[in-house]
Amino acid sequence: MKPKQTIITLCLILFGAIAAQAQELKSFMDDSGKFGYQDDTGKTILAPIYEIAYSFSEGLGAVRQNGKFGFINKDGRVVIGYRYEQAYRFSEGLASVMLNGKFGFIDKTGKLVIAPEFDAALEFKEGLALVRQNGKFGFIDKTGKIVIAPEFDQAGNFSEGMATVRQNEKYGFIDKTGKIVITPEFDKAGNFSESMAAVRQNNKYGFIDKAGNTIIEPRYEDAREFSEGVAAVVLDGKYGFIDKTGKVIIPPKYDMAGSFKNGKANVLLNDEGFYIDRTGKSIPH
């Protein structure tokens, strides 16, 4: 993994530890730089003994020891041995792993089900996984068959039947046949969620629908996906929340904010992480 990618990944892991909202164990890093796991209350479940640890998914967590990745269960028992140069979380029953500089996929027994032949490979979403070959991105199915040829400069995972792609420095969307359904015209584009996607034009973010129509005009410095009818956006360097009409429902004042799940969202204010409800009121963890 490239240094920049590593930094981004670690930031996501650390913020995820502050903001855990699912039942899966979340990784955290202690003062010595070692990784362990916590539950939703912040209680340490597995001591920080790992060089790298990715949050649990589908009951297993990818961890690194002595320069190699393997997978552990929630008791800390190694269920897939340390043999991979890189490994990512399980999704739809498979995990992307690197062997001899190439990526393939294993199942939960550790069996290699898709041979390592890709330069990069992300997790499966909606039955397809993003892969890179010869500098271009395409998609494979769970048999390893290429179903969308690697022809894009960049791409994202499928969400709600559509995936972001980049061509000629602009972003648009394709369907599962590889057909471009929203012309690449945006400087940046996020995943569709609740039938809307954040896009950037002229350094500002707004939202479009699945036909490519602008629903919320670009006016934000950053924007996250819609969840439970609201999305976190950034104005003047601070996070707040809007609804699907663009109406501000929680004014921007936070240093960081996640998405709403089960009626609450994680936020960061003055180095303190906590949850808020849809009125912006602080609530118990």
Protein backbone atom coordinates (compact mmCIF):
# COMPACT_ATOMS: atom_id res chain seq x y z
CA MET A 1 0.00 0.00 0.00
CA LYS A 2 1.29 3.46 -0.87
CA PRO A 3 2.10 5.86 2.01
CA LYS A 4 -0.76 8.21 1.14
CA GLN A 5 -3.22 5.31 1.03
CA THR A 6 -1.89 4.05 4.36
CA ILE A 7 -2.42 7.44 6.01
CA ILE A 8 -5.97 7.66 4.68
CA THR A 9 -6.74 4.12 5.84
CA LEU A 10 -5.36 4.75 9.33
CA CYS A 11 -7.35 7.98 9.64
CA LEU A 12 -10.53 6.11 8.76
CA ILE A 13 -9.69 3.38 11.27
CA LEU A 14 -9.00 5.85 14.05
CA PHE A 15 -12.13 7.88 13.45
CA GLY A 16 -14.09 4.65 13.17
CA ALA A 17 -12.83 3.72 16.65
CA ILE A 18 -14.18 7.00 18.02
CA ALA A 19 -17.42 6.52 16.15
CA ALA A 20 -18.19 2.81 16.31
CA GLN A 21 -21.85 2.22 15.57
CA ALA A 22 -22.04 -1.41 14.47
CA GLN A 23 -21.65 -4.61 16.43
CA GLU A 24 -18.37 -5.56 14.76
CA LEU A 25 -15.20 -4.85 16.74
CA LYS A 26 -13.36 -1.68 15.73
CA SER A 27 -9.62 -1.27 15.66
CA PHE A 28 -7.76 1.36 17.69
CA MET A 29 -4.14 2.39 18.06
CA ASP A 30 -2.45 2.90 21.44
CA ASP A 31 0.32 5.36 22.30
CA SER A 32 3.01 2.87 21.25
CA GLY A 33 1.58 2.58 17.74
CA LYS A 34 0.18 -0.94 18.23
CA PHE A 35 -3.36 -1.87 17.22
CA GLY A 36 -6.07 -3.67 19.18
CA TYR A 37 -9.87 -3.88 19.18
CA GLN A 38 -12.70 -2.22 21.07
CA ASP A 39 -16.44 -2.78 21.25
CA ASP A 40 -19.12 -0.14 20.74
CA THR A 41 -18.66 1.21 24.26
CA GLY A 42 -14.92 1.75 23.81
CA LYS A 43 -14.05 -1.20 26.01
CA THR A 44 -10.86 -2.98 24.94
CA ILE A 45 -11.71 -6.51 23.82
CA LEU A 46 -8.40 -7.52 22.22
CA ALA A 47 -5.18 -5.97 23.53
CA PRO A 48 -3.12 -3.75 21.19
CA ILE A 49 -0.46 -6.22 20.04
CA TYR A 50 -0.77 -5.95 16.26
CA GLU A 51 1.34 -3.96 13.80
CA ILE A 52 -1.80 -3.16 11.81
CA ALA A 53 -5.41 -4.16 12.45
CA TYR A 54 -8.45 -3.50 10.27
CA SER A 55 -11.90 -3.37 11.82
CA PHE A 56 -13.85 -6.63 11.93
CA SER A 57 -16.19 -7.54 9.12
CA GLU A 58 -18.31 -10.68 8.86
CA GLY A 59 -16.81 -11.94 12.10
CA LEU A 60 -13.14 -11.72 11.15
CA GLY A 61 -10.43 -9.06 11.38
CA ALA A 62 -7.35 -8.68 9.20
CA VAL A 63 -4.20 -8.13 11.28
CA ARG A 64 -0.46 -7.93 10.62
CA GLN A 65 2.30 -9.54 12.68
CA ASN A 66 5.97 -9.76 11.70
CA GLY A 67 5.22 -8.12 8.36
CA LYS A 68 2.52 -10.60 7.27
CA PHE A 69 -1.29 -10.43 7.36
CA GLY A 70 -3.70 -13.05 8.59
CA PHE A 71 -7.21 -13.11 10.06
CA ILE A 72 -8.40 -13.51 13.65
CA ASN A 73 -11.79 -14.16 15.21
CA LYS A 74 -13.32 -12.15 18.04
CA ASP A 75 -11.50 -14.26 20.62
CA GLY A 76 -8.19 -13.25 19.08
CA ARG A 77 -7.59 -16.75 17.70
CA VAL A 78 -5.79 -16.89 14.35
CA VAL A 79 -8.16 -18.62 11.91
CA ILE A 80 -6.30 -17.79 8.68
CA GLY A 81 -2.53 -17.85 9.08
CA TYR A 82 -0.08 -14.99 8.62
CA ARG A 83 0.99 -15.40 5.02
CA TYR A 84 -0.22 -12.39 3.03
CA GLU A 85 1.66 -9.24 2.07
CA GLN A 86 -1.59 -7.30 2.37
CA ALA A 87 -5.17 -8.21 3.27
CA TYR A 88 -8.45 -6.37 3.49
CA ARG A 89 -11.80 -6.94 5.17
CA PHE A 90 -14.27 -9.65 4.24
CA SER A 91 -17.26 -8.58 2.20
CA GLU A 92 -19.88 -10.89 0.71
CA GLY A 93 -17.87 -13.86 1.99
CA LEU A 94 -14.56 -13.00 0.29
CA ALA A 95 -11.48 -10.94 1.15
CA SER A 96 -8.85 -9.38 -1.08
CA VAL A 97 -5.30 -10.53 -0.28
CA MET A 98 -1.86 -9.99 -1.80
CA LEU A 99 0.53 -12.84 -2.61
CA ASN A 100 3.79 -12.31 -4.47
CA GLY A 101 2.82 -8.75 -5.33
CA LYS A 102 -0.58 -9.59 -6.86
CA PHE A 103 -4.11 -9.52 -5.45
CA GLY A 104 -6.66 -12.32 -5.41
CA PHE A 105 -9.49 -13.40 -3.11
CA ILE A 106 -9.88 -15.96 -0.34
CA ASP A 107 -12.94 -17.36 1.42
CA LYS A 108 -13.37 -17.62 5.20
CA THR A 109 -11.50 -20.93 5.33
CA GLY A 110 -8.46 -19.27 3.76
CA LYS A 111 -9.01 -21.08 0.45
CA LEU A 112 -7.83 -19.10 -2.55
CA VAL A 113 -10.93 -18.81 -4.75
CA ILE A 114 -9.73 -16.14 -7.20
CA ALA A 115 -6.10 -16.40 -8.26
CA PRO A 116 -3.79 -13.46 -7.44
CA GLU A 117 -3.38 -11.80 -10.83
CA PHE A 118 -4.48 -8.22 -10.23
CA ASP A 119 -2.37 -5.17 -9.42
CA ALA A 120 -5.05 -4.02 -6.97
CA ALA A 121 -8.43 -5.32 -5.81
CA LEU A 122 -11.10 -3.88 -3.53
CA GLU A 123 -13.87 -5.65 -1.65
CA PHE A 124 -16.94 -7.12 -3.31
CA LYS A 125 -20.02 -4.92 -3.39
CA GLU A 126 -23.28 -5.96 -5.01
CA GLY A 127 -21.57 -9.04 -6.44
CA LEU A 128 -18.72 -7.21 -8.18
CA ALA A 129 -15.21 -6.19 -7.13
CA LEU A 130 -13.09 -3.35 -8.47
CA VAL A 131 -9.71 -4.49 -9.83
CA ARG A 132 -6.75 -2.85 -11.55
CA GLN A 133 -4.72 -4.29 -14.40
CA ASN A 134 -2.08 -2.47 -16.43
CA GLY A 135 -3.00 0.83 -14.80
CA LYS A 136 -6.71 0.64 -15.65
CA PHE A 137 -9.74 -0.25 -13.53
CA GLY A 138 -12.54 -2.71 -14.24
CA PHE A 139 -14.74 -5.21 -12.38
CA ILE A 140 -14.83 -8.96 -11.78
CA ASP A 141 -17.53 -11.30 -10.50
CA LYS A 142 -17.10 -13.90 -7.75
CA THR A 143 -15.70 -16.47 -10.18
CA GLY A 144 -12.90 -14.06 -11.08
CA LYS A 145 -14.37 -13.40 -14.53
CA ILE A 146 -13.85 -9.87 -15.84
CA VAL A 147 -17.35 -8.53 -16.46
CA ILE A 148 -16.42 -4.87 -17.04
CA ALA A 149 -13.13 -4.48 -18.89
CA PRO A 150 -10.32 -2.49 -17.20
CA GLU A 151 -10.59 0.71 -19.23
CA PHE A 152 -11.16 3.42 -16.63
CA ASP A 153 -8.53 5.71 -15.14
CA GLN A 154 -10.17 5.34 -11.74
CA ALA A 155 -13.35 3.83 -10.33
CA GLY A 156 -15.26 3.17 -7.12
CA ASN A 157 -17.31 0.30 -5.75
CA PHE A 158 -20.88 -0.29 -6.90
CA SER A 159 -23.63 1.22 -4.79
CA GLU A 160 -27.31 1.09 -5.68
CA GLY A 161 -26.42 -0.41 -9.04
CA MET A 162 -24.03 2.34 -10.12
CA ALA A 163 -20.30 3.00 -9.76
CA THR A 164 -18.17 6.11 -10.16
CA VAL A 165 -15.60 6.09 -12.96
CA ARG A 166 -13.03 8.60 -14.18
CA GLN A 167 -12.22 9.27 -17.81
CA ASN A 168 -10.18 12.19 -19.13
CA GLU A 169 -9.88 13.63 -15.61
CA LYS A 170 -13.68 13.79 -15.12
CA TYR A 171 -16.01 11.58 -13.08
CA GLY A 172 -19.29 10.00 -14.11
CA PHE A 173 -21.20 6.77 -13.44
CA ILE A 174 -21.63 3.36 -15.05
CA ASP A 175 -24.19 0.60 -14.54
CA LYS A 176 -23.39 -3.09 -14.03
CA THR A 177 -23.05 -3.71 -17.75
CA GLY A 178 -20.29 -1.09 -17.91
CA LYS A 179 -22.50 1.37 -19.79
CA ILE A 180 -21.92 5.03 -18.94
CA VAL A 181 -25.24 6.27 -17.58
CA ILE A 182 -24.08 9.67 -16.27
CA THR A 183 -21.52 11.38 -18.48
CA PRO A 184 -18.13 12.08 -16.84
CA GLU A 185 -18.33 15.83 -16.23
CA PHE A 186 -17.59 16.19 -12.54
CA ASP A 187 -14.31 16.99 -10.80
CA LYS A 188 -15.16 14.39 -8.13
CA ALA A 189 -18.05 12.05 -7.38
CA GLY A 190 -19.10 9.90 -4.43
CA ASN A 191 -21.27 6.80 -4.21
CA PHE A 192 -25.01 6.83 -4.61
CA SER A 193 -26.85 6.51 -1.32
CA GLU A 194 -30.59 6.93 -0.95
CA SER A 195 -30.68 7.71 -4.69
CA MET A 196 -28.39 10.75 -4.39
CA ALA A 197 -24.65 11.23 -4.90
CA ALA A 198 -22.31 14.03 -3.87
CA VAL A 199 -20.41 15.58 -6.80
CA ARG A 200 -17.87 18.38 -7.05
CA GLN A 201 -17.79 21.11 -9.66
CA ASN A 202 -15.67 24.28 -9.50
CA ASN A 203 -14.36 23.20 -6.09
CA LYS A 204 -17.83 23.00 -4.53
CA TYR A 205 -19.96 19.96 -3.68
CA GLY A 206 -23.63 19.44 -4.41
CA PHE A 207 -25.88 16.44 -5.04
CA ILE A 208 -27.33 14.76 -8.12
CA ASP A 209 -29.97 12.09 -8.67
CA LYS A 210 -29.58 8.90 -10.72
CA ALA A 211 -30.53 10.68 -13.91
CA GLY A 212 -27.67 13.13 -13.39
CA ASN A 213 -29.98 16.02 -12.48
CA THR A 214 -28.69 18.53 -9.94
CA ILE A 215 -30.87 18.31 -6.83
CA ILE A 216 -28.77 20.40 -4.44
CA GLU A 217 -26.59 23.07 -6.00
CA PRO A 218 -22.80 22.88 -5.42
CA ARG A 219 -22.04 25.17 -2.50
CA TYR A 220 -20.22 23.02 0.06
CA GLU A 221 -16.50 22.53 0.66
CA ASP A 222 -17.09 18.81 1.25
CA ALA A 223 -20.04 16.45 1.54
CA ARG A 224 -20.74 12.91 2.73
CA GLU A 225 -23.32 10.36 1.62
CA PHE A 226 -26.97 10.62 2.61
CA SER A 227 -28.04 8.32 5.42
CA GLU A 228 -31.43 8.32 7.12
CA GLY A 229 -32.39 11.28 4.97
CA VAL A 230 -29.55 13.60 5.98
CA ALA A 231 -25.95 14.23 4.90
CA ALA A 232 -22.96 15.82 6.58
CA VAL A 233 -21.59 18.84 4.69
CA VAL A 234 -18.80 21.36 5.25
CA LEU A 235 -19.22 25.13 5.22
CA ASP A 236 -16.44 27.50 6.32
CA GLY A 237 -14.41 24.53 7.49
CA LYS A 238 -17.08 23.14 9.82
CA TYR A 239 -19.40 20.13 9.52
CA GLY A 240 -23.17 20.33 9.79
CA PHE A 241 -26.12 18.40 8.33
CA ILE A 242 -28.64 19.01 5.57
CA ASP A 243 -31.78 17.21 4.41
CA LYS A 244 -32.55 16.16 0.82
CA THR A 245 -33.88 19.60 -0.09
CA GLY A 246 -30.61 21.20 1.00
CA LYS A 247 -32.15 22.66 4.15
CA VAL A 248 -29.71 22.94 7.06
CA ILE A 249 -31.05 20.86 9.96
CA ILE A 250 -27.94 21.00 12.17
CA PRO A 251 -25.76 24.10 11.71
CA PRO A 252 -22.08 23.59 10.78
CA LYS A 253 -19.95 23.77 13.92
CA TYR A 254 -18.18 20.39 14.19
CA ASP A 255 -14.57 19.60 13.31
CA MET A 256 -15.60 16.23 11.87
CA ALA A 257 -18.84 14.32 11.43
CA GLY A 258 -19.94 10.87 10.34
CA SER A 259 -23.24 9.63 8.93
CA PHE A 260 -26.44 9.09 10.90
CA LYS A 261 -27.16 5.48 11.86
CA ASN A 262 -29.99 4.42 14.12
CA GLY A 263 -30.84 8.05 14.78
CA LYS A 264 -27.40 9.19 15.90
CA ALA A 265 -24.19 10.47 14.30
CA ASN A 266 -20.63 10.64 15.58
CA VAL A 267 -19.04 14.08 15.67
CA LEU A 268 -15.78 15.65 16.80
CA LEU A 269 -15.65 19.05 18.47
CA ASN A 270 -12.58 20.55 20.14
CA ASP A 271 -10.86 17.13 20.11
CA GLU A 272 -13.83 15.49 21.87
CA GLY A 273 -15.74 12.73 20.11
CA PHE A 274 -19.41 12.09 20.96
CA TYR A 275 -22.83 11.34 19.45
CA ILE A 276 -25.64 13.69 18.52
CA ASP A 277 -29.29 13.14 17.61
CA ARG A 278 -31.08 14.75 14.68
CA THR A 279 -31.65 17.95 16.64
CA GLY A 280 -27.91 18.29 17.30
CA LYS A 281 -28.31 17.37 20.96
CA SER A 282 -25.49 15.36 22.54
CA ILE A 283 -26.64 11.85 23.52
CA PRO A 284 -25.11 8.92 25.43
CA HIS A 285 -22.83 6.49 23.56
